[in-house]
PDB file of N, CA and C in Angstrom:
ATOM      1  N   UNK A   1      -7.189 -51.105  27.189  1.00  0.00           N
ATOM      2  CA  UNK A   1      -7.190 -49.766  27.695  1.00  0.00           C
ATOM      3  C   UNK A   1      -8.586 -49.165  26.980  1.00  0.00           C
ATOM      4  N   UNK A   2      -9.599 -48.658  27.745  1.00  0.00           N
ATOM      5  CA  UNK A   2     -10.871 -48.188  27.179  1.00  0.00           C
ATOM      6  C   UNK A   2     -10.307 -46.998  26.388  1.00  0.00           C
ATOM      7  N   UNK A   3     -11.267 -46.658  25.292  1.00  0.00           N
ATOM      8  CA  UNK A   3     -11.041 -45.514  24.487  1.00  0.00           C
ATOM      9  C   UNK A   3     -11.516 -44.303  25.309  1.00  0.00           C
ATOM     10  N   UNK A   4     -11.669 -42.935  24.860  1.00  0.00           N
ATOM     11  CA  UNK A   4     -12.071 -41.716  25.471  1.00  0.00           C
ATOM     12  C   UNK A   4     -12.975 -41.218  24.301  1.00  0.00           C
ATOM     13  N   UNK A   5     -13.964 -40.610  24.761  1.00  0.00           N
ATOM     14  CA  UNK A   5     -14.880 -39.844  23.856  1.00  0.00           C
ATOM     15  C   UNK A   5     -15.270 -38.539  24.320  1.00  0.00           C
ATOM     16  N   UNK A   6     -15.489 -37.582  23.381  1.00  0.00           N
ATOM     17  CA  UNK A   6     -16.159 -36.366  23.590  1.00  0.00           C
ATOM     18  C   UNK A   6     -17.658 -36.504  22.974  1.00  0.00           C
ATOM     19  N   UNK A   7     -18.509 -36.233  23.767  1.00  0.00           N
ATOM     20  CA  UNK A   7     -19.902 -36.125  23.648  1.00  0.00           C
ATOM     21  C   UNK A   7     -20.298 -34.728  23.751  1.00  0.00           C
ATOM     22  N   UNK A   8     -20.736 -34.395  22.589  1.00  0.00           N
ATOM     23  CA  UNK A   8     -21.414 -33.108  22.579  1.00  0.00           C
ATOM     24  C   UNK A   8     -22.703 -32.511  22.030  1.00  0.00           C
ATOM     25  N   UNK A   9     -23.396 -31.787  22.274  1.00  0.00           N
ATOM     26  CA  UNK A   9     -24.600 -31.296  21.810  1.00  0.00           C
ATOM     27  C   UNK A   9     -24.598 -29.733  21.582  1.00  0.00           C
ATOM     28  N   UNK A  10     -24.818 -29.405  20.271  1.00  0.00           N
ATOM     29  CA  UNK A  10     -24.527 -27.966  20.003  1.00  0.00           C
ATOM     30  C   UNK A  10     -25.834 -27.202  19.462  1.00  0.00           C
ATOM     31  N   UNK A  11     -25.851 -26.059  19.693  1.00  0.00           N
ATOM     32  CA  UNK A  11     -26.849 -25.277  18.843  1.00  0.00           C
ATOM     33  C   UNK A  11     -26.023 -24.424  18.124  1.00  0.00           C
ATOM     34  N   UNK A  12     -26.094 -24.287  16.932  1.00  0.00           N
ATOM     35  CA  UNK A  12     -25.118 -23.148  16.036  1.00  0.00           C
ATOM     36  C   UNK A  12     -26.035 -22.081  15.698  1.00  0.00           C
ATOM     37  N   UNK A  13     -25.595 -20.927  15.886  1.00  0.00           N
ATOM     38  CA  UNK A  13     -26.271 -19.746  15.674  1.00  0.00           C
ATOM     39  C   UNK A  13     -25.949 -19.123  14.305  1.00  0.00           C
ATOM     40  N   UNK A  14     -24.865 -19.153  14.137  1.00  0.00           N
ATOM     41  CA  UNK A  14     -24.211 -18.625  12.810  1.00  0.00           C
ATOM     42  C   UNK A  14     -23.351 -20.076  12.067  1.00  0.00           C
ATOM     43  N   UNK A  15     -24.013 -20.313  11.273  1.00  0.00           N
ATOM     44  CA  UNK A  15     -23.359 -21.769  10.673  1.00  0.00           C
ATOM     45  C   UNK A  15     -22.253 -21.308   9.740  1.00  0.00           C
ATOM     46  N   UNK A  16     -22.188 -20.174   8.969  1.00  0.00           N
ATOM     47  CA  UNK A  16     -20.947 -19.737   8.060  1.00  0.00           C
ATOM     48  C   UNK A  16     -19.680 -19.586   9.140  1.00  0.00           C
ATOM     49  N   UNK A  17     -19.921 -18.720  10.196  1.00  0.00           N
ATOM     50  CA  UNK A  17     -18.784 -18.659  10.928  1.00  0.00           C
ATOM     51  C   UNK A  17     -18.107 -19.845  11.735  1.00  0.00           C
ATOM     52  N   UNK A  18     -19.534 -20.609  11.887  1.00  0.00           N
ATOM     53  CA  UNK A  18     -19.060 -21.821  12.534  1.00  0.00           C
ATOM     54  C   UNK A  18     -17.816 -22.920  11.713  1.00  0.00           C
ATOM     55  N   UNK A  19     -18.190 -22.785  10.575  1.00  0.00           N
ATOM     56  CA  UNK A  19     -17.175 -23.270   9.589  1.00  0.00           C
ATOM     57  C   UNK A  19     -15.653 -23.261  10.014  1.00  0.00           C
ATOM     58  N   UNK A  20     -15.582 -22.018  10.466  1.00  0.00           N
ATOM     59  CA  UNK A  20     -13.916 -21.817  10.697  1.00  0.00           C
ATOM     60  C   UNK A  20     -13.565 -22.427  11.943  1.00  0.00           C
ATOM     61  N   UNK A  21     -14.492 -22.801  12.866  1.00  0.00           N
ATOM     62  CA  UNK A  21     -14.504 -23.800  14.054  1.00  0.00           C
ATOM     63  C   UNK A  21     -13.826 -24.954  13.467  1.00  0.00           C
ATOM     64  N   UNK A  22     -14.655 -25.739  12.557  1.00  0.00           N
ATOM     65  CA  UNK A  22     -14.568 -26.996  11.878  1.00  0.00           C
ATOM     66  C   UNK A  22     -13.113 -27.154  11.326  1.00  0.00           C
ATOM     67  N   UNK A  23     -12.980 -26.409  10.788  1.00  0.00           N
ATOM     68  CA  UNK A  23     -11.550 -26.096  10.082  1.00  0.00           C
ATOM     69  C   UNK A  23     -10.622 -26.270  11.202  1.00  0.00           C
ATOM     70  N   UNK A  24     -10.512 -25.410  12.070  1.00  0.00           N
ATOM     71  CA  UNK A  24      -9.608 -25.164  12.818  1.00  0.00           C
ATOM     72  C   UNK A  24      -9.481 -26.475  13.976  1.00  0.00           C
ATOM     73  N   UNK A  25     -10.490 -27.045  14.447  1.00  0.00           N
ATOM     74  CA  UNK A  25     -10.515 -28.110  15.294  1.00  0.00           C
ATOM     75  C   UNK A  25      -9.917 -29.418  14.763  1.00  0.00           C
ATOM     76  N   UNK A  26      -9.979 -29.362  13.392  1.00  0.00           N
ATOM     77  CA  UNK A  26      -9.363 -30.562  12.711  1.00  0.00           C
ATOM     78  C   UNK A  26      -7.731 -30.819  12.888  1.00  0.00           C
ATOM     79  N   UNK A  27      -7.159 -29.743  13.396  1.00  0.00           N
ATOM     80  CA  UNK A  27      -5.997 -29.779  13.727  1.00  0.00           C
ATOM     81  C   UNK A  27      -5.449 -30.576  14.893  1.00  0.00           C
ATOM     82  N   UNK A  28      -6.213 -30.104  15.972  1.00  0.00           N
ATOM     83  CA  UNK A  28      -6.193 -30.917  17.234  1.00  0.00           C
ATOM     84  C   UNK A  28      -6.819 -32.184  17.156  1.00  0.00           C
ATOM     85  N   UNK A  29      -7.935 -32.531  16.454  1.00  0.00           N
ATOM     86  CA  UNK A  29      -8.461 -33.769  16.413  1.00  0.00           C
ATOM     87  C   UNK A  29      -7.359 -34.976  15.969  1.00  0.00           C
ATOM     88  N   UNK A  30      -6.824 -34.296  14.795  1.00  0.00           N
ATOM     89  CA  UNK A  30      -5.809 -35.237  13.931  1.00  0.00           C
ATOM     90  C   UNK A  30      -4.576 -35.439  14.926  1.00  0.00           C
ATOM     91  N   UNK A  31      -4.195 -34.638  15.702  1.00  0.00           N
ATOM     92  CA  UNK A  31      -2.980 -34.741  16.503  1.00  0.00           C
ATOM     93  C   UNK A  31      -3.356 -35.524  17.498  1.00  0.00           C
ATOM     94  N   UNK A  32      -4.469 -35.840  18.116  1.00  0.00           N
ATOM     95  CA  UNK A  32      -4.912 -36.749  19.014  1.00  0.00           C
ATOM     96  C   UNK A  32      -5.572 -37.869  18.772  1.00  0.00           C
ATOM     97  N   UNK A  33      -5.522 -38.224  17.456  1.00  0.00           N
ATOM     98  CA  UNK A  33      -6.015 -39.447  16.943  1.00  0.00           C
ATOM     99  C   UNK A  33      -7.341 -39.629  16.856  1.00  0.00           C
ATOM    100  N   UNK A  34      -8.409 -38.772  16.797  1.00  0.00           N
ATOM    101  CA  UNK A  34      -9.635 -38.814  17.002  1.00  0.00           C
ATOM    102  C   UNK A  34     -10.454 -39.254  15.737  1.00  0.00           C
ATOM    103  N   UNK A  35     -11.530 -39.699  16.011  1.00  0.00           N
ATOM    104  CA  UNK A  35     -12.239 -39.959  14.602  1.00  0.00           C
ATOM    105  C   UNK A  35     -13.599 -39.760  15.181  1.00  0.00           C
ATOM    106  N   UNK A  36     -14.786 -39.410  14.097  1.00  0.00           N
ATOM    107  CA  UNK A  36     -15.806 -39.039  14.263  1.00  0.00           C
ATOM    108  C   UNK A  36     -16.916 -40.222  14.415  1.00  0.00           C
ATOM    109  N   UNK A  37     -17.701 -40.505  15.244  1.00  0.00           N
ATOM    110  CA  UNK A  37     -18.652 -41.496  15.232  1.00  0.00           C
ATOM    111  C   UNK A  37     -19.949 -41.109  14.854  1.00  0.00           C
ATOM    112  N   UNK A  38     -20.264 -39.844  15.578  1.00  0.00           N
ATOM    113  CA  UNK A  38     -21.612 -39.203  15.226  1.00  0.00           C
ATOM    114  C   UNK A  38     -21.225 -37.770  14.962  1.00  0.00           C
ATOM    115  N   UNK A  39     -21.797 -37.194  13.805  1.00  0.00           N
ATOM    116  CA  UNK A  39     -21.368 -35.895  13.490  1.00  0.00           C
ATOM    117  C   UNK A  39     -22.633 -35.334  12.837  1.00  0.00           C
ATOM    118  N   UNK A  40     -23.579 -34.969  13.656  1.00  0.00           N
ATOM    119  CA  UNK A  40     -24.896 -34.294  13.130  1.00  0.00           C
ATOM    120  C   UNK A  40     -25.676 -35.534  12.695  1.00  0.00           C
ATOM    121  N   UNK A  41     -26.286 -35.677  11.601  1.00  0.00           N
ATOM    122  CA  UNK A  41     -27.024 -36.629  11.091  1.00  0.00           C
ATOM    123  C   UNK A  41     -28.593 -36.523  11.621  1.00  0.00           C
ATOM    124  N   UNK A  42     -29.328 -37.475  11.445  1.00  0.00           N
ATOM    125  CA  UNK A  42     -30.740 -37.496  11.960  1.00  0.00           C
ATOM    126  C   UNK A  42     -30.635 -37.908  13.342  1.00  0.00           C
ATOM    127  N   UNK A  43     -31.848 -37.574  14.083  1.00  0.00           N
ATOM    128  CA  UNK A  43     -31.944 -37.650  15.577  1.00  0.00           C
ATOM    129  C   UNK A  43     -33.399 -37.389  15.922  1.00  0.00           C
ATOM    130  N   UNK A  44     -33.787 -38.324  16.816  1.00  0.00           N
ATOM    131  CA  UNK A  44     -34.965 -38.054  17.161  1.00  0.00           C
ATOM    132  C   UNK A  44     -35.031 -38.152  18.723  1.00  0.00           C
ATOM    133  N   UNK A  45     -35.580 -37.108  19.341  1.00  0.00           N
ATOM    134  CA  UNK A  45     -35.576 -36.985  20.749  1.00  0.00           C
ATOM    135  C   UNK A  45     -36.582 -37.874  21.288  1.00  0.00           C
ATOM    136  N   UNK A  46     -36.161 -38.548  22.166  1.00  0.00           N
ATOM    137  CA  UNK A  46     -37.068 -39.388  22.826  1.00  0.00           C
ATOM    138  C   UNK A  46     -37.119 -39.093  24.404  1.00  0.00           C
ATOM    139  N   UNK A  47     -36.181 -38.393  25.015  1.00  0.00           N
ATOM    140  CA  UNK A  47     -36.247 -38.067  26.298  1.00  0.00           C
ATOM    141  C   UNK A  47     -35.163 -36.776  26.392  1.00  0.00           C
ATOM    142  N   UNK A  48     -35.646 -35.707  27.277  1.00  0.00           N
ATOM    143  CA  UNK A  48     -34.636 -34.681  27.802  1.00  0.00           C
ATOM    144  C   UNK A  48     -34.810 -33.624  26.620  1.00  0.00           C
ATOM    145  N   UNK A  49     -33.654 -32.913  26.666  1.00  0.00           N
ATOM    146  CA  UNK A  49     -33.599 -31.645  25.893  1.00  0.00           C
ATOM    147  C   UNK A  49     -32.525 -31.492  25.151  1.00  0.00           C
ATOM    148  N   UNK A  50     -32.529 -32.150  23.833  1.00  0.00           N
ATOM    149  CA  UNK A  50     -31.018 -32.201  23.208  1.00  0.00           C
ATOM    150  C   UNK A  50     -30.887 -30.616  22.404  1.00  0.00           C
ATOM    151  N   UNK A  51     -29.798 -30.511  22.115  1.00  0.00           N
ATOM    152  CA  UNK A  51     -29.532 -29.535  21.188  1.00  0.00           C
ATOM    153  C   UNK A  51     -29.721 -29.931  19.783  1.00  0.00           C
ATOM    154  N   UNK A  52     -29.499 -29.006  18.703  1.00  0.00           N
ATOM    155  CA  UNK A  52     -29.912 -29.189  17.249  1.00  0.00           C
ATOM    156  C   UNK A  52     -28.894 -30.272  16.528  1.00  0.00           C
ATOM    157  N   UNK A  53     -27.494 -30.330  17.134  1.00  0.00           N
ATOM    158  CA  UNK A  53     -26.403 -31.064  16.708  1.00  0.00           C
ATOM    159  C   UNK A  53     -25.950 -32.019  17.705  1.00  0.00           C
ATOM    160  N   UNK A  54     -25.712 -33.135  17.293  1.00  0.00           N
ATOM    161  CA  UNK A  54     -24.925 -34.120  18.440  1.00  0.00           C
ATOM    162  C   UNK A  54     -23.850 -34.578  17.687  1.00  0.00           C
ATOM    163  N   UNK A  55     -22.630 -34.631  18.452  1.00  0.00           N
ATOM    164  CA  UNK A  55     -21.390 -35.134  17.941  1.00  0.00           C
ATOM    165  C   UNK A  55     -20.864 -35.901  18.950  1.00  0.00           C
ATOM    166  N   UNK A  56     -20.353 -37.269  18.399  1.00  0.00           N
ATOM    167  CA  UNK A  56     -19.672 -38.229  19.365  1.00  0.00           C
ATOM    168  C   UNK A  56     -18.219 -38.362  18.695  1.00  0.00           C
ATOM    169  N   UNK A  57     -17.221 -38.020  19.295  1.00  0.00           N
ATOM    170  CA  UNK A  57     -15.849 -38.193  18.733  1.00  0.00           C
ATOM    171  C   UNK A  57     -15.080 -39.109  19.679  1.00  0.00           C
ATOM    172  N   UNK A  58     -14.488 -40.167  19.106  1.00  0.00           N
ATOM    173  CA  UNK A  58     -13.793 -41.277  19.692  1.00  0.00           C
ATOM    174  C   UNK A  58     -12.193 -41.023  19.592  1.00  0.00           C
ATOM    175  N   UNK A  59     -11.494 -41.234  20.761  1.00  0.00           N
ATOM    176  CA  UNK A  59      -9.915 -41.015  20.812  1.00  0.00           C
ATOM    177  C   UNK A  59      -9.262 -42.288  21.196  1.00  0.00           C
ATOM    178  N   UNK A  60      -8.199 -42.507  20.947  1.00  0.00           N
ATOM    179  CA  UNK A  60      -7.577 -43.893  21.428  1.00  0.00           C
ATOM    180  C   UNK A  60      -7.656 -44.396  22.920  1.00  0.00           C
ATOM    181  N   UNK A  61      -7.702 -43.197  23.656  1.00  0.00           N
ATOM    182  CA  UNK A  61      -7.955 -43.693  25.167  1.00  0.00           C
ATOM    183  C   UNK A  61      -8.413 -42.355  25.948  1.00  0.00           C
ATOM    184  N   UNK A  62      -8.834 -42.432  26.976  1.00  0.00           N
ATOM    185  CA  UNK A  62      -9.529 -41.221  27.694  1.00  0.00           C
ATOM    186  C   UNK A  62      -8.216 -40.021  27.940  1.00  0.00           C
ATOM    187  N   UNK A  63      -6.984 -40.422  28.180  1.00  0.00           N
ATOM    188  CA  UNK A  63      -6.181 -39.340  28.406  1.00  0.00           C
ATOM    189  C   UNK A  63      -6.002 -38.476  27.234  1.00  0.00           C
ATOM    190  N   UNK A  64      -6.124 -39.131  26.004  1.00  0.00           N
ATOM    191  CA  UNK A  64      -6.012 -38.383  24.839  1.00  0.00           C
ATOM    192  C   UNK A  64      -7.338 -37.547  24.570  1.00  0.00           C
ATOM    193  N   UNK A  65      -8.346 -37.859  24.822  1.00  0.00           N
ATOM    194  CA  UNK A  65      -9.502 -37.105  24.822  1.00  0.00           C
ATOM    195  C   UNK A  65      -9.318 -35.975  25.736  1.00  0.00           C
ATOM    196  N   UNK A  66      -9.037 -36.154  26.908  1.00  0.00           N
ATOM    197  CA  UNK A  66      -8.627 -34.870  27.919  1.00  0.00           C
ATOM    198  C   UNK A  66      -7.702 -33.842  27.191  1.00  0.00           C
ATOM    199  N   UNK A  67      -6.484 -34.736  26.898  1.00  0.00           N
ATOM    200  CA  UNK A  67      -5.517 -33.879  26.182  1.00  0.00           C
ATOM    201  C   UNK A  67      -5.566 -32.987  25.259  1.00  0.00           C
ATOM    202  N   UNK A  68      -6.596 -33.390  24.313  1.00  0.00           N
ATOM    203  CA  UNK A  68      -6.809 -32.936  23.265  1.00  0.00           C
ATOM    204  C   UNK A  68      -7.691 -31.733  23.449  1.00  0.00           C
ATOM    205  N   UNK A  69      -8.779 -31.873  24.365  1.00  0.00           N
ATOM    206  CA  UNK A  69      -9.702 -30.633  24.848  1.00  0.00           C
ATOM    207  C   UNK A  69      -8.913 -29.746  25.549  1.00  0.00           C
ATOM    208  N   UNK A  70      -7.878 -30.029  26.285  1.00  0.00           N
ATOM    209  CA  UNK A  70      -6.896 -28.885  26.997  1.00  0.00           C
ATOM    210  C   UNK A  70      -5.803 -28.454  26.291  1.00  0.00           C
ATOM    211  N   UNK A  71      -5.678 -28.760  24.800  1.00  0.00           N
ATOM    212  CA  UNK A  71      -4.397 -28.595  24.194  1.00  0.00           C
ATOM    213  C   UNK A  71      -4.476 -27.131  23.734  1.00  0.00           C
ATOM    214  N   UNK A  72      -3.596 -26.353  23.581  1.00  0.00           N
ATOM    215  CA  UNK A  72      -3.489 -25.184  22.895  1.00  0.00           C
ATOM    216  C   UNK A  72      -4.218 -25.120  21.543  1.00  0.00           C
ATOM    217  N   UNK A  73      -4.009 -26.194  20.819  1.00  0.00           N
ATOM    218  CA  UNK A  73      -4.572 -26.162  19.413  1.00  0.00           C
ATOM    219  C   UNK A  73      -6.271 -26.385  19.381  1.00  0.00           C
ATOM    220  N   UNK A  74      -6.792 -27.035  20.281  1.00  0.00           N
ATOM    221  CA  UNK A  74      -8.161 -26.998  20.390  1.00  0.00           C
ATOM    222  C   UNK A  74      -8.759 -25.547  21.046  1.00  0.00           C
ATOM    223  N   UNK A  75      -8.017 -25.262  22.016  1.00  0.00           N
ATOM    224  CA  UNK A  75      -8.299 -23.997  22.721  1.00  0.00           C
ATOM    225  C   UNK A  75      -8.560 -22.607  21.703  1.00  0.00           C
ATOM    226  N   UNK A  76      -7.846 -22.595  20.756  1.00  0.00           N
ATOM    227  CA  UNK A  76      -7.666 -21.998  19.486  1.00  0.00           C
ATOM    228  C   UNK A  76      -9.235 -21.887  18.865  1.00  0.00           C
ATOM    229  N   UNK A  77      -9.525 -23.257  18.375  1.00  0.00           N
ATOM    230  CA  UNK A  77     -10.616 -23.630  17.755  1.00  0.00           C
ATOM    231  C   UNK A  77     -11.828 -23.533  18.686  1.00  0.00           C
ATOM    232  N   UNK A  78     -12.003 -23.603  19.962  1.00  0.00           N
ATOM    233  CA  UNK A  78     -13.025 -23.123  20.843  1.00  0.00           C
ATOM    234  C   UNK A  78     -13.369 -21.918  20.906  1.00  0.00           C
ATOM    235  N   UNK A  79     -12.089 -20.825  20.757  1.00  0.00           N
ATOM    236  CA  UNK A  79     -12.657 -19.512  20.740  1.00  0.00           C
ATOM    237  C   UNK A  79     -13.116 -19.029  19.609  1.00  0.00           C
ATOM    238  N   UNK A  80     -13.252 -19.833  18.526  1.00  0.00           N
ATOM    239  CA  UNK A  80     -14.076 -19.629  17.288  1.00  0.00           C
ATOM    240  C   UNK A  80     -15.343 -20.092  17.648  1.00  0.00           C
ATOM    241  N   UNK A  81     -15.625 -21.281  18.096  1.00  0.00           N
ATOM    242  CA  UNK A  81     -16.809 -21.646  18.496  1.00  0.00           C
ATOM    243  C   UNK A  81     -17.673 -21.042  19.538  1.00  0.00           C
ATOM    244  N   UNK A  82     -17.146 -20.605  20.542  1.00  0.00           N
ATOM    245  CA  UNK A  82     -17.891 -20.064  21.534  1.00  0.00           C
ATOM    246  C   UNK A  82     -18.818 -18.828  21.299  1.00  0.00           C
ATOM    247  N   UNK A  83     -18.424 -17.898  20.412  1.00  0.00           N
ATOM    248  CA  UNK A  83     -19.335 -16.879  20.090  1.00  0.00           C
ATOM    249  C   UNK A  83     -20.340 -16.908  19.113  1.00  0.00           C
ATOM    250  N   UNK A  84     -20.316 -18.119  18.502  1.00  0.00           N
ATOM    251  CA  UNK A  84     -21.537 -18.654  17.622  1.00  0.00           C
ATOM    252  C   UNK A  84     -22.223 -19.897  17.875  1.00  0.00           C
ATOM    253  N   UNK A  85     -21.911 -20.358  19.015  1.00  0.00           N
ATOM    254  CA  UNK A  85     -22.853 -21.587  19.306  1.00  0.00           C
ATOM    255  C   UNK A  85     -22.856 -21.662  20.979  1.00  0.00           C
ATOM    256  N   UNK A  86     -23.958 -22.494  21.305  1.00  0.00           N
ATOM    257  CA  UNK A  86     -23.965 -23.056  22.749  1.00  0.00           C
ATOM    258  C   UNK A  86     -23.705 -24.446  22.642  1.00  0.00           C
ATOM    259  N   UNK A  87     -22.820 -25.079  23.673  1.00  0.00           N
ATOM    260  CA  UNK A  87     -22.669 -26.408  23.582  1.00  0.00           C
ATOM    261  C   UNK A  87     -22.406 -26.824  24.862  1.00  0.00           C
ATOM    262  N   UNK A  88     -22.754 -28.236  25.020  1.00  0.00           N
ATOM    263  CA  UNK A  88     -22.516 -28.939  26.137  1.00  0.00           C
ATOM    264  C   UNK A  88     -21.882 -30.238  25.682  1.00  0.00           C
ATOM    265  N   UNK A  89     -20.327 -30.283  26.458  1.00  0.00           N
ATOM    266  CA  UNK A  89     -19.754 -31.293  25.871  1.00  0.00           C
ATOM    267  C   UNK A  89     -19.041 -31.972  27.100  1.00  0.00           C
ATOM    268  N   UNK A  90     -18.918 -33.135  27.347  1.00  0.00           N
ATOM    269  CA  UNK A  90     -18.436 -34.126  28.237  1.00  0.00           C
ATOM    270  C   UNK A  90     -17.413 -34.870  27.685  1.00  0.00           C
ATOM    271  N   UNK A  91     -16.281 -35.130  28.462  1.00  0.00           N
ATOM    272  CA  UNK A  91     -15.284 -36.108  28.230  1.00  0.00           C
ATOM    273  C   UNK A  91     -15.573 -37.413  28.852  1.00  0.00           C
ATOM    274  N   UNK A  92     -15.471 -38.345  28.317  1.00  0.00           N
ATOM    275  CA  UNK A  92     -15.785 -39.710  29.003  1.00  0.00           C
ATOM    276  C   UNK A  92     -15.016 -40.962  28.626  1.00  0.00           C
ATOM    277  N   UNK A  93     -14.913 -41.673  29.686  1.00  0.00           N
ATOM    278  CA  UNK A  93     -14.240 -42.809  29.507  1.00  0.00           C
ATOM    279  C   UNK A  93     -15.097 -43.987  28.715  1.00  0.00           C
ATOM    280  N   UNK A  94     -14.537 -44.888  27.971  1.00  0.00           N
ATOM    281  CA  UNK A  94     -15.127 -45.787  27.409  1.00  0.00           C
ATOM    282  C   UNK A  94     -15.485 -47.129  28.389  1.00  0.00           C
ATOM    283  N   UNK A  95     -16.244 -47.873  28.084  1.00  0.00           N
ATOM    284  CA  UNK A  95     -16.355 -49.037  28.957  1.00  0.00           C
ATOM    285  C   UNK A  95     -15.960 -50.465  28.156  1.00  0.00           C
ATOM    286  N   UNK A  96     -15.262 -51.230  28.771  1.00  0.00           N
ATOM    287  CA  UNK A  96     -14.833 -52.533  28.454  1.00  0.00           C
ATOM    288  C   UNK A  96     -15.209 -53.806  28.877  1.00  0.00           C
ATOM    289  N   UNK A  97     -16.092 -53.642  29.800  1.00  0.00           N
ATOM    290  CA  UNK A  97     -16.526 -54.714  30.322  1.00  0.00           C
ATOM    291  C   UNK A  97     -17.480 -55.688  29.829  1.00  0.00           C
ATOM    292  N   UNK A  98     -18.092 -56.393  30.544  1.00  0.00           N
ATOM    293  CA  UNK A  98     -19.177 -57.279  30.065  1.00  0.00           C
ATOM    294  C   UNK A  98     -20.421 -56.665  29.330  1.00  0.00           C
ATOM    295  N   UNK A  99     -21.087 -57.276  28.314  1.00  0.00           N
ATOM    296  CA  UNK A  99     -22.111 -56.604  27.641  1.00  0.00           C
ATOM    297  C   UNK A  99     -23.333 -57.580  28.173  1.00  0.00           C
ATOM    298  N   UNK A 100     -24.467 -56.999  27.541  1.00  0.00           N
ATOM    299  CA  UNK A 100     -25.638 -57.879  27.857  1.00  0.00           C
ATOM    300  C   UNK A 100     -25.498 -59.101  27.376  1.00  0.00           C
ATOM    301  N   UNK A 101     -25.891 -60.294  28.210  1.00  0.00           N
ATOM    302  CA  UNK A 101     -25.890 -61.606  27.735  1.00  0.00           C
ATOM    303  C   UNK A 101     -24.667 -62.328  27.952  1.00  0.00           C
ATOM    304  N   UNK A 102     -23.411 -61.471  28.226  1.00  0.00           N
ATOM    305  CA  UNK A 102     -22.253 -62.118  28.298  1.00  0.00           C
ATOM    306  C   UNK A 102     -22.080 -62.461  29.699  1.00  0.00           C
ATOM    307  N   UNK A 103     -21.248 -63.468  30.058  1.00  0.00           N
ATOM    308  CA  UNK A 103     -20.979 -64.199  31.283  1.00  0.00           C
ATOM    309  C   UNK A 103     -19.167 -63.731  31.573  1.00  0.00           C
ATOM    310  N   UNK A 104     -18.499 -63.699  32.533  1.00  0.00           N
ATOM    311  CA  UNK A 104     -17.061 -63.824  32.464  1.00  0.00           C
ATOM    312  C   UNK A 104     -16.558 -65.045  32.310  1.00  0.00           C
TER     313      UNK A 104
END
């Protein structure tokens, strides 16, 4: 079964207040088995218009990723994030197929 991912790009306008979101979202993320693959860090724009913060969170499967986003726990956290940031977030299913150079 393919994993699920949250891929988000965020501009944070109030870093101090944003910390409350980070504390609160940990409740939902832990409940749904999430782990951070990318959490800020260095990035270089090579195409498009990214935001200042890039985050990729892995879930055991696609449904867990959707369930976490829709959960009451995450909605509490999201309410803290929305007034102090601008975010683009997609929930995407991972890929378990052939990789470059592989044959079936």
